[in-house]
C-alpha cells in the first residue's frame, strides 16, 4: 500500500470512528485489535489488512466499503 493510500484509509477509518463517537481504545477493544496496533495503523506506520478493516467495520457497524477510499471514475 502506498503512502497516499495508507493516508486515505486511515482518514476514512478516523472519520467513521468520529462519526460513531467512540474512542480509539473502544474501537481497539471492540475490533479485537491491540490498541498499540490500531494506533500505529491510524498514525500510518503500517498498512491496514482487509481483516483489520473488516473487524473495524463490524465494530463500528458500517460496511467495509465505507472504510475504503473511492477510486477515481475512469473515462470510458
PDB file of N, CA and C in Angstrom:
ATOM      1  N   UNK A   1       0.874  -1.170   0.000  1.00  0.00           N
ATOM      2  CA  UNK A   1       0.000   0.000   0.000  1.00  0.00           C
ATOM      3  C   UNK A   1       0.910   1.218   0.000  1.00  0.00           C
ATOM      4  N   UNK A   2       0.686   2.122  -0.910  1.00  0.00           N
ATOM      5  CA  UNK A   2       1.482   3.341  -0.965  1.00  0.00           C
ATOM      6  C   UNK A   2       1.102   4.309   0.141  1.00  0.00           C
ATOM      7  N   UNK A   3       1.935   5.297   0.333  1.00  0.00           N
ATOM      8  CA  UNK A   3       1.706   6.257   1.407  1.00  0.00           C
ATOM      9  C   UNK A   3       0.395   7.020   1.257  1.00  0.00           C
ATOM     10  N   UNK A   4       0.060   7.387   0.038  1.00  0.00           N
ATOM     11  CA  UNK A   4      -1.188   8.121  -0.173  1.00  0.00           C
ATOM     12  C   UNK A   4      -2.393   7.242   0.161  1.00  0.00           C
ATOM     13  N   UNK A   5      -2.370   6.013  -0.289  1.00  0.00           N
ATOM     14  CA  UNK A   5      -3.469   5.091   0.008  1.00  0.00           C
ATOM     15  C   UNK A   5      -3.544   4.804   1.503  1.00  0.00           C
ATOM     16  N   UNK A   6      -2.401   4.635   2.137  1.00  0.00           N
ATOM     17  CA  UNK A   6      -2.363   4.419   3.587  1.00  0.00           C
ATOM     18  C   UNK A   6      -3.021   5.594   4.302  1.00  0.00           C
ATOM     19  N   UNK A   7      -2.716   6.807   3.843  1.00  0.00           N
ATOM     20  CA  UNK A   7      -3.304   8.013   4.432  1.00  0.00           C
ATOM     21  C   UNK A   7      -4.819   8.052   4.226  1.00  0.00           C
ATOM     22  N   UNK A   8      -5.275   7.733   3.020  1.00  0.00           N
ATOM     23  CA  UNK A   8      -6.706   7.776   2.721  1.00  0.00           C
ATOM     24  C   UNK A   8      -7.495   6.764   3.549  1.00  0.00           C
ATOM     25  N   UNK A   9      -6.949   5.564   3.716  1.00  0.00           N
ATOM     26  CA  UNK A   9      -7.640   4.540   4.502  1.00  0.00           C
ATOM     27  C   UNK A   9      -7.683   4.962   5.969  1.00  0.00           C
ATOM     28  N   UNK A  10      -6.570   5.443   6.500  1.00  0.00           N
ATOM     29  CA  UNK A  10      -6.544   5.893   7.894  1.00  0.00           C
ATOM     30  C   UNK A  10      -7.537   7.039   8.106  1.00  0.00           C
ATOM     31  N   UNK A  11      -7.623   7.949   7.147  1.00  0.00           N
ATOM     32  CA  UNK A  11      -8.565   9.071   7.253  1.00  0.00           C
ATOM     33  C   UNK A  11     -10.008   8.575   7.218  1.00  0.00           C
ATOM     34  N   UNK A  12     -10.286   7.574   6.392  1.00  0.00           N
ATOM     35  CA  UNK A  12     -11.644   7.012   6.334  1.00  0.00           C
ATOM     36  C   UNK A  12     -12.019   6.332   7.644  1.00  0.00           C
ATOM     37  N   UNK A  13     -11.079   5.580   8.206  1.00  0.00           N
ATOM     38  CA  UNK A  13     -11.333   4.919   9.491  1.00  0.00           C
ATOM     39  C   UNK A  13     -11.544   5.969  10.586  1.00  0.00           C
ATOM     40  N   UNK A  14     -10.730   6.997  10.585  1.00  0.00           N
ATOM     41  CA  UNK A  14     -10.863   8.053  11.597  1.00  0.00           C
ATOM     42  C   UNK A  14     -12.205   8.766  11.460  1.00  0.00           C
ATOM     43  N   UNK A  15     -12.626   9.058  10.249  1.00  0.00           N
ATOM     44  CA  UNK A  15     -13.913   9.716  10.036  1.00  0.00           C
ATOM     45  C   UNK A  15     -15.058   8.840  10.544  1.00  0.00           C
ATOM     46  N   UNK A  16     -14.993   7.545  10.276  1.00  0.00           N
ATOM     47  CA  UNK A  16     -16.034   6.621  10.746  1.00  0.00           C
ATOM     48  C   UNK A  16     -16.024   6.526  12.265  1.00  0.00           C
ATOM     49  N   UNK A  17     -14.832   6.522  12.847  1.00  0.00           N
ATOM     50  CA  UNK A  17     -14.714   6.463  14.308  1.00  0.00           C
ATOM     51  C   UNK A  17     -15.321   7.709  14.943  1.00  0.00           C
ATOM     52  N   UNK A  18     -14.987   8.858  14.410  1.00  0.00           N
ATOM     53  CA  UNK A  18     -15.524  10.116  14.946  1.00  0.00           C
ATOM     54  C   UNK A  18     -17.034  10.192  14.752  1.00  0.00           C
ATOM     55  N   UNK A  19     -17.506   9.746  13.602  1.00  0.00           N
ATOM     56  CA  UNK A  19     -18.945   9.751  13.334  1.00  0.00           C
ATOM     57  C   UNK A  19     -19.678   8.867  14.349  1.00  0.00           C
ATOM     58  N   UNK A  20     -19.066   7.760  14.716  1.00  0.00           N
ATOM     59  CA  UNK A  20     -19.670   6.858  15.697  1.00  0.00           C
ATOM     60  C   UNK A  20     -19.535   7.400  17.123  1.00  0.00           C
ATOM     61  N   UNK A  21     -18.654   8.374  17.305  1.00  0.00           N
ATOM     62  CA  UNK A  21     -18.474   8.980  18.619  1.00  0.00           C
ATOM     63  C   UNK A  21     -17.787   8.066  19.623  1.00  0.00           C
ATOM     64  N   UNK A  22     -16.835   7.272  19.133  1.00  0.00           N
ATOM     65  CA  UNK A  22     -16.151   6.335  20.023  1.00  0.00           C
ATOM     66  C   UNK A  22     -14.661   6.658  20.098  1.00  0.00           C
ATOM     67  N   UNK A  23     -14.050   6.229  21.163  1.00  0.00           N
ATOM     68  CA  UNK A  23     -12.622   6.465  21.351  1.00  0.00           C
ATOM     69  C   UNK A  23     -11.801   5.404  20.625  1.00  0.00           C
ATOM     70  N   UNK A  24     -10.538   5.683  20.470  1.00  0.00           N
ATOM     71  CA  UNK A  24      -9.630   4.725  19.856  1.00  0.00           C
ATOM     72  C   UNK A  24      -9.548   3.457  20.714  1.00  0.00           C
ATOM     73  N   UNK A  25      -9.527   3.625  22.011  1.00  0.00           N
ATOM     74  CA  UNK A  25      -9.494   2.478  22.918  1.00  0.00           C
ATOM     75  C   UNK A  25     -10.729   1.606  22.782  1.00  0.00           C
ATOM     76  N   UNK A  26     -11.903   2.236  22.663  1.00  0.00           N
ATOM     77  CA  UNK A  26     -13.155   1.487  22.477  1.00  0.00           C
ATOM     78  C   UNK A  26     -13.088   0.697  21.185  1.00  0.00           C
ATOM     79  N   UNK A  27     -12.633   1.360  20.115  1.00  0.00           N
ATOM     80  CA  UNK A  27     -12.569   0.710  18.819  1.00  0.00           C
ATOM     81  C   UNK A  27     -11.583  -0.457  18.845  1.00  0.00           C
ATOM     82  N   UNK A  28     -10.457  -0.267  19.493  1.00  0.00           N
ATOM     83  CA  UNK A  28      -9.476  -1.350  19.605  1.00  0.00           C
ATOM     84  C   UNK A  28     -10.084  -2.528  20.352  1.00  0.00           C
ATOM     85  N   UNK A  29     -10.747  -2.249  21.448  1.00  0.00           N
ATOM     86  CA  UNK A  29     -11.357  -3.308  22.253  1.00  0.00           C
ATOM     87  C   UNK A  29     -12.419  -4.065  21.465  1.00  0.00           C
ATOM     88  N   UNK A  30     -13.303  -3.344  20.815  1.00  0.00           N
ATOM     89  CA  UNK A  30     -14.421  -3.969  20.081  1.00  0.00           C
ATOM     90  C   UNK A  30     -13.973  -4.673  18.806  1.00  0.00           C
ATOM     91  N   UNK A  31     -12.886  -4.203  18.209  1.00  0.00           N
ATOM     92  CA  UNK A  31     -12.421  -4.832  16.975  1.00  0.00           C
ATOM     93  C   UNK A  31     -11.464  -5.985  17.245  1.00  0.00           C
ATOM     94  N   UNK A  32     -10.998  -6.083  18.477  1.00  0.00           N
ATOM     95  CA  UNK A  32     -10.057  -7.142  18.825  1.00  0.00           C
ATOM     96  C   UNK A  32      -8.624  -6.842  18.444  1.00  0.00           C
ATOM     97  N   UNK A  33      -8.368  -5.600  18.026  1.00  0.00           N
ATOM     98  CA  UNK A  33      -7.001  -5.197  17.691  1.00  0.00           C
ATOM     99  C   UNK A  33      -6.343  -4.598  18.938  1.00  0.00           C
ATOM    100  N   UNK A  34      -5.090  -4.941  19.197  1.00  0.00           N
ATOM    101  CA  UNK A  34      -4.400  -4.272  20.305  1.00  0.00           C
ATOM    102  C   UNK A  34      -4.373  -2.760  20.062  1.00  0.00           C
ATOM    103  N   UNK A  35      -4.562  -1.998  21.107  1.00  0.00           N
ATOM    104  CA  UNK A  35      -4.615  -0.536  20.956  1.00  0.00           C
ATOM    105  C   UNK A  35      -3.327  -0.009  20.321  1.00  0.00           C
ATOM    106  N   UNK A  36      -2.192  -0.625  20.637  1.00  0.00           N
ATOM    107  CA  UNK A  36      -0.919  -0.185  20.051  1.00  0.00           C
ATOM    108  C   UNK A  36      -0.913  -0.423  18.539  1.00  0.00           C
ATOM    109  N   UNK A  37      -1.487  -1.524  18.114  1.00  0.00           N
ATOM    110  CA  UNK A  37      -1.570  -1.831  16.682  1.00  0.00           C
ATOM    111  C   UNK A  37      -2.483  -0.848  15.976  1.00  0.00           C
ATOM    112  N   UNK A  38      -3.662  -0.622  16.549  1.00  0.00           N
ATOM    113  CA  UNK A  38      -4.603   0.317  15.936  1.00  0.00           C
ATOM    114  C   UNK A  38      -4.021   1.724  15.904  1.00  0.00           C
ATOM    115  N   UNK A  39      -3.353   2.113  16.963  1.00  0.00           N
ATOM    116  CA  UNK A  39      -2.727   3.432  16.999  1.00  0.00           C
ATOM    117  C   UNK A  39      -1.682   3.564  15.888  1.00  0.00           C
ATOM    118  N   UNK A  40      -0.877   2.543  15.696  1.00  0.00           N
ATOM    119  CA  UNK A  40       0.127   2.571  14.621  1.00  0.00           C
ATOM    120  C   UNK A  40      -0.509   2.645  13.246  1.00  0.00           C
ATOM    121  N   UNK A  41      -1.604   1.910  13.060  1.00  0.00           N
ATOM    122  CA  UNK A  41      -2.323   1.975  11.784  1.00  0.00           C
ATOM    123  C   UNK A  41      -2.875   3.378  11.548  1.00  0.00           C
ATOM    124  N   UNK A  42      -3.436   3.962  12.583  1.00  0.00           N
ATOM    125  CA  UNK A  42      -4.024   5.300  12.453  1.00  0.00           C
ATOM    126  C   UNK A  42      -2.954   6.366  12.230  1.00  0.00           C
ATOM    127  N   UNK A  43      -1.762   6.125  12.744  1.00  0.00           N
ATOM    128  CA  UNK A  43      -0.661   7.072  12.534  1.00  0.00           C
ATOM    129  C   UNK A  43       0.122   6.744  11.268  1.00  0.00           C
ATOM    130  N   UNK A  44      -0.459   5.818  10.466  1.00  0.00           N
ATOM    131  CA  UNK A  44       0.061   5.474   9.139  1.00  0.00           C
ATOM    132  C   UNK A  44       1.454   4.859   9.185  1.00  0.00           C
ATOM    133  N   UNK A  45       1.731   4.112  10.255  1.00  0.00           N
ATOM    134  CA  UNK A  45       3.025   3.447  10.387  1.00  0.00           C
ATOM    135  C   UNK A  45       3.011   2.052   9.773  1.00  0.00           C
ATOM    136  N   UNK A  46       1.826   1.561   9.450  1.00  0.00           N
ATOM    137  CA  UNK A  46       1.684   0.228   8.851  1.00  0.00           C
ATOM    138  C   UNK A  46       0.432   0.224   7.992  1.00  0.00           C
ATOM    139  N   UNK A  47       0.321  -0.804   7.163  1.00  0.00           N
ATOM    140  CA  UNK A  47      -0.837  -0.933   6.283  1.00  0.00           C
ATOM    141  C   UNK A  47      -1.970  -1.680   6.983  1.00  0.00           C
ATOM    142  N   UNK A  48      -3.192  -1.229   6.764  1.00  0.00           N
ATOM    143  CA  UNK A  48      -4.368  -1.969   7.199  1.00  0.00           C
ATOM    144  C   UNK A  48      -4.479  -3.214   6.329  1.00  0.00           C
ATOM    145  N   UNK A  49      -4.877  -4.321   6.914  1.00  0.00           N
ATOM    146  CA  UNK A  49      -5.217  -5.505   6.124  1.00  0.00           C
ATOM    147  C   UNK A  49      -6.729  -5.504   5.943  1.00  0.00           C
ATOM    148  N   UNK A  50      -7.201  -6.336   5.033  1.00  0.00           N
ATOM    149  CA  UNK A  50      -8.655  -6.451   4.862  1.00  0.00           C
ATOM    150  C   UNK A  50      -9.293  -7.021   6.131  1.00  0.00           C
ATOM    151  N   UNK A  51      -8.582  -7.890   6.826  1.00  0.00           N
ATOM    152  CA  UNK A  51      -9.098  -8.433   8.086  1.00  0.00           C
ATOM    153  C   UNK A  51      -9.230  -7.315   9.116  1.00  0.00           C
ATOM    154  N   UNK A  52      -8.226  -6.442   9.205  1.00  0.00           N
ATOM    155  CA  UNK A  52      -8.303  -5.293  10.121  1.00  0.00           C
ATOM    156  C   UNK A  52      -9.530  -4.455   9.804  1.00  0.00           C
ATOM    157  N   UNK A  53      -9.697  -4.136   8.520  1.00  0.00           N
ATOM    158  CA  UNK A  53     -10.815  -3.286   8.114  1.00  0.00           C
ATOM    159  C   UNK A  53     -12.161  -3.957   8.362  1.00  0.00           C
ATOM    160  N   UNK A  54     -12.233  -5.255   8.146  1.00  0.00           N
ATOM    161  CA  UNK A  54     -13.485  -5.977   8.403  1.00  0.00           C
ATOM    162  C   UNK A  54     -13.830  -5.946   9.890  1.00  0.00           C
ATOM    163  N   UNK A  55     -12.829  -6.119  10.734  1.00  0.00           N
ATOM    164  CA  UNK A  55     -13.066  -6.101  12.182  1.00  0.00           C
ATOM    165  C   UNK A  55     -13.481  -4.703  12.651  1.00  0.00           C
ATOM    166  N   UNK A  56     -12.835  -3.682  12.098  1.00  0.00           N
ATOM    167  CA  UNK A  56     -13.173  -2.295  12.454  1.00  0.00           C
ATOM    168  C   UNK A  56     -14.578  -1.962  11.966  1.00  0.00           C
ATOM    169  N   UNK A  57     -14.893  -2.352  10.741  1.00  0.00           N
ATOM    170  CA  UNK A  57     -16.225  -2.088  10.185  1.00  0.00           C
ATOM    171  C   UNK A  57     -17.302  -2.755  11.033  1.00  0.00           C
ATOM    172  N   UNK A  58     -17.067  -3.990  11.435  1.00  0.00           N
ATOM    173  CA  UNK A  58     -18.044  -4.690  12.265  1.00  0.00           C
ATOM    174  C   UNK A  58     -18.223  -3.979  13.606  1.00  0.00           C
ATOM    175  N   UNK A  59     -17.128  -3.553  14.205  1.00  0.00           N
ATOM    176  CA  UNK A  59     -17.203  -2.853  15.496  1.00  0.00           C
ATOM    177  C   UNK A  59     -17.987  -1.547  15.370  1.00  0.00           C
ATOM    178  N   UNK A  60     -17.810  -0.859  14.248  1.00  0.00           N
ATOM    179  CA  UNK A  60     -18.489   0.427  14.036  1.00  0.00           C
ATOM    180  C   UNK A  60     -19.865   0.262  13.398  1.00  0.00           C
ATOM    181  N   UNK A  61     -20.221  -0.971  13.057  1.00  0.00           N
ATOM    182  CA  UNK A  61     -21.499  -1.277  12.414  1.00  0.00           C
ATOM    183  C   UNK A  61     -21.670  -0.509  11.102  1.00  0.00           C
ATOM    184  N   UNK A  62     -20.609  -0.559  10.292  1.00  0.00           N
ATOM    185  CA  UNK A  62     -20.645   0.052   8.960  1.00  0.00           C
ATOM    186  C   UNK A  62     -20.172  -0.979   7.941  1.00  0.00           C
ATOM    187  N   UNK A  63     -20.471  -0.742   6.689  1.00  0.00           N
ATOM    188  CA  UNK A  63     -19.972  -1.611   5.629  1.00  0.00           C
ATOM    189  C   UNK A  63     -18.475  -1.387   5.449  1.00  0.00           C
ATOM    190  N   UNK A  64     -17.758  -2.439   5.159  1.00  0.00           N
ATOM    191  CA  UNK A  64     -16.312  -2.325   4.934  1.00  0.00           C
ATOM    192  C   UNK A  64     -16.017  -1.302   3.846  1.00  0.00           C
ATOM    193  N   UNK A  65     -16.860  -1.239   2.850  1.00  0.00           N
ATOM    194  CA  UNK A  65     -16.631  -0.314   1.731  1.00  0.00           C
ATOM    195  C   UNK A  65     -16.613   1.146   2.174  1.00  0.00           C
ATOM    196  N   UNK A  66     -17.246   1.470   3.296  1.00  0.00           N
ATOM    197  CA  UNK A  66     -17.206   2.860   3.768  1.00  0.00           C
ATOM    198  C   UNK A  66     -15.822   3.233   4.285  1.00  0.00           C
ATOM    199  N   UNK A  67     -14.994   2.230   4.566  1.00  0.00           N
ATOM    200  CA  UNK A  67     -13.647   2.492   5.072  1.00  0.00           C
ATOM    201  C   UNK A  67     -12.604   2.528   3.966  1.00  0.00           C
ATOM    202  N   UNK A  68     -13.044   2.255   2.743  1.00  0.00           N
ATOM    203  CA  UNK A  68     -12.124   2.249   1.604  1.00  0.00           C
ATOM    204  C   UNK A  68     -12.261   3.549   0.824  1.00  0.00           C
ATOM    205  N   UNK A  69     -11.146   4.098   0.384  1.00  0.00           N
ATOM    206  CA  UNK A  69     -11.241   5.326  -0.412  1.00  0.00           C
ATOM    207  C   UNK A  69     -11.894   5.034  -1.757  1.00  0.00           C
ATOM    208  N   UNK A  70     -12.577   6.014  -2.271  1.00  0.00           N
ATOM    209  CA  UNK A  70     -13.212   5.876  -3.585  1.00  0.00           C
ATOM    210  C   UNK A  70     -12.143   5.924  -4.656  1.00  0.00           C
ATOM    211  N   UNK A  71     -12.317   5.119  -5.671  1.00  0.00           N
ATOM    212  CA  UNK A  71     -11.380   5.191  -6.799  1.00  0.00           C
ATOM    213  C   UNK A  71     -11.895   6.234  -7.772  1.00  0.00           C
ATOM    214  N   UNK A  72     -11.002   6.934  -8.432  1.00  0.00           N
ATOM    215  CA  UNK A  72     -11.459   7.946  -9.388  1.00  0.00           C
ATOM    216  C   UNK A  72     -12.222   7.285 -10.532  1.00  0.00           C
ATOM    217  N   UNK A  73     -13.211   8.002 -11.027  1.00  0.00           N
ATOM    218  CA  UNK A  73     -14.005   7.479 -12.152  1.00  0.00           C
ATOM    219  C   UNK A  73     -13.099   7.359 -13.379  1.00  0.00           C
ATOM    220  N   UNK A  74     -13.271   6.260 -14.058  1.00  0.00           N
ATOM    221  CA  UNK A  74     -12.483   6.043 -15.268  1.00  0.00           C
ATOM    222  C   UNK A  74     -13.260   6.556 -16.472  1.00  0.00           C
ATOM    223  N   UNK A  75     -12.548   7.146 -17.402  1.00  0.00           N
ATOM    224  CA  UNK A  75     -13.184   7.581 -18.650  1.00  0.00           C
ATOM    225  C   UNK A  75     -13.402   6.366 -19.517  1.00  0.00           C
ATOM    226  N   UNK A  76     -14.590   6.202 -20.003  1.00  0.00           N
ATOM    227  CA  UNK A  76     -14.891   5.068 -20.869  1.00  0.00           C
ATOM    228  C   UNK A  76     -14.900   5.495 -22.306  1.00  0.00           C
TER     229      UNK A  76
END
